[in-house]
Amino acid sequence: MKVWGHSSEVPGSLTRTAATTDGEHVFTLNRNSDWGDPALEQAAVEAEFCG
């Protein structure tokens, strides 16, 4: 499955949105970028679209 996305970060906060190419399935998450684990962020996206 192809998923398109974008992320943006300001000090202390990261937001990431991903969507299928047809726009029918969209997922947005926010994490504390000071101590949040980037691997868990990617795992959440994969679980949403591949799990």
C-alpha atoms as a PDB file:
ATOM      1  CA  MET A   1       0.000   0.000   0.000  1.00  0.00           C
ATOM      2  CA  LYS A   2       1.304   3.420  -0.900  1.00  0.00           C
ATOM      3  CA  VAL A   3       0.908   6.076   1.786  1.00  0.00           C
ATOM      4  CA  TRP A   4       1.755   9.750   1.440  1.00  0.00           C
ATOM      5  CA  GLY A   5       2.510  11.998   4.373  1.00  0.00           C
ATOM      6  CA  HIS A   6       4.118  15.037   5.883  1.00  0.00           C
ATOM      7  CA  SER A   7       5.457  15.966   9.285  1.00  0.00           C
ATOM      8  CA  SER A   8       6.249  19.252  10.949  1.00  0.00           C
ATOM      9  CA  GLU A   9       8.063  20.067  14.156  1.00  0.00           C
ATOM     10  CA  VAL A  10       8.335  22.973  16.541  1.00  0.00           C
ATOM     11  CA  PRO A  11      10.388  22.738  19.733  1.00  0.00           C
ATOM     12  CA  GLY A  12       8.752  20.060  21.878  1.00  0.00           C
ATOM     13  CA  SER A  13       6.054  18.938  19.451  1.00  0.00           C
ATOM     14  CA  LEU A  14       5.961  16.908  16.249  1.00  0.00           C
ATOM     15  CA  THR A  15       2.839  16.325  14.159  1.00  0.00           C
ATOM     16  CA  ARG A  16       2.660  13.770  11.355  1.00  0.00           C
ATOM     17  CA  THR A  17      -0.148  13.060   8.895  1.00  0.00           C
ATOM     18  CA  ALA A  18      -0.292  10.143   6.476  1.00  0.00           C
ATOM     19  CA  ALA A  19      -2.970   9.220   3.943  1.00  0.00           C
ATOM     20  CA  THR A  20      -3.698   6.697   1.232  1.00  0.00           C
ATOM     21  CA  THR A  21      -3.350   7.999  -2.306  1.00  0.00           C
ATOM     22  CA  ASP A  22      -7.143   8.123  -2.725  1.00  0.00           C
ATOM     23  CA  GLY A  23      -7.553  10.136   0.508  1.00  0.00           C
ATOM     24  CA  GLU A  24     -10.037   7.643   1.957  1.00  0.00           C
ATOM     25  CA  HIS A  25      -7.850   6.780   4.954  1.00  0.00           C
ATOM     26  CA  VAL A  26      -6.065   9.557   6.857  1.00  0.00           C
ATOM     27  CA  PHE A  27      -4.103   9.285  10.111  1.00  0.00           C
ATOM     28  CA  THR A  28      -2.636  12.141  12.180  1.00  0.00           C
ATOM     29  CA  LEU A  29      -0.551  11.871  15.335  1.00  0.00           C
ATOM     30  CA  ASN A  30       1.254  14.259  17.635  1.00  0.00           C
ATOM     31  CA  ARG A  31       4.122  13.382  19.959  1.00  0.00           C
ATOM     32  CA  ASN A  32       6.425  15.146  22.356  1.00  0.00           C
ATOM     33  CA  SER A  33       9.574  15.510  20.265  1.00  0.00           C
ATOM     34  CA  ASP A  34      11.738  16.248  23.304  1.00  0.00           C
ATOM     35  CA  TRP A  35      11.490  12.686  24.599  1.00  0.00           C
ATOM     36  CA  GLY A  36       9.087  10.784  22.328  1.00  0.00           C
ATOM     37  CA  ASP A  37      10.498   7.748  20.530  1.00  0.00           C
ATOM     38  CA  PRO A  38      10.574   8.167  16.719  1.00  0.00           C
ATOM     39  CA  ALA A  39      10.456   4.366  16.302  1.00  0.00           C
ATOM     40  CA  LEU A  40       7.082   4.265  18.075  1.00  0.00           C
ATOM     41  CA  GLU A  41       5.811   6.988  15.748  1.00  0.00           C
ATOM     42  CA  GLN A  42       6.697   4.902  12.693  1.00  0.00           C
ATOM     43  CA  ALA A  43       5.249   1.775  14.330  1.00  0.00           C
ATOM     44  CA  ALA A  44       1.929   3.602  14.862  1.00  0.00           C
ATOM     45  CA  VAL A  45       1.753   4.599  11.188  1.00  0.00           C
ATOM     46  CA  GLU A  46       2.569   1.055  10.065  1.00  0.00           C
ATOM     47  CA  ALA A  47      -0.008  -0.437  12.436  1.00  0.00           C
ATOM     48  CA  GLU A  48      -2.666   1.944  11.138  1.00  0.00           C
ATOM     49  CA  PHE A  49      -2.101   1.200   7.464  1.00  0.00           C
ATOM     50  CA  CYS A  50      -0.566  -2.280   7.417  1.00  0.00           C
ATOM     51  CA  GLY A  51      -1.857  -3.932  10.575  1.00  0.00           C
END
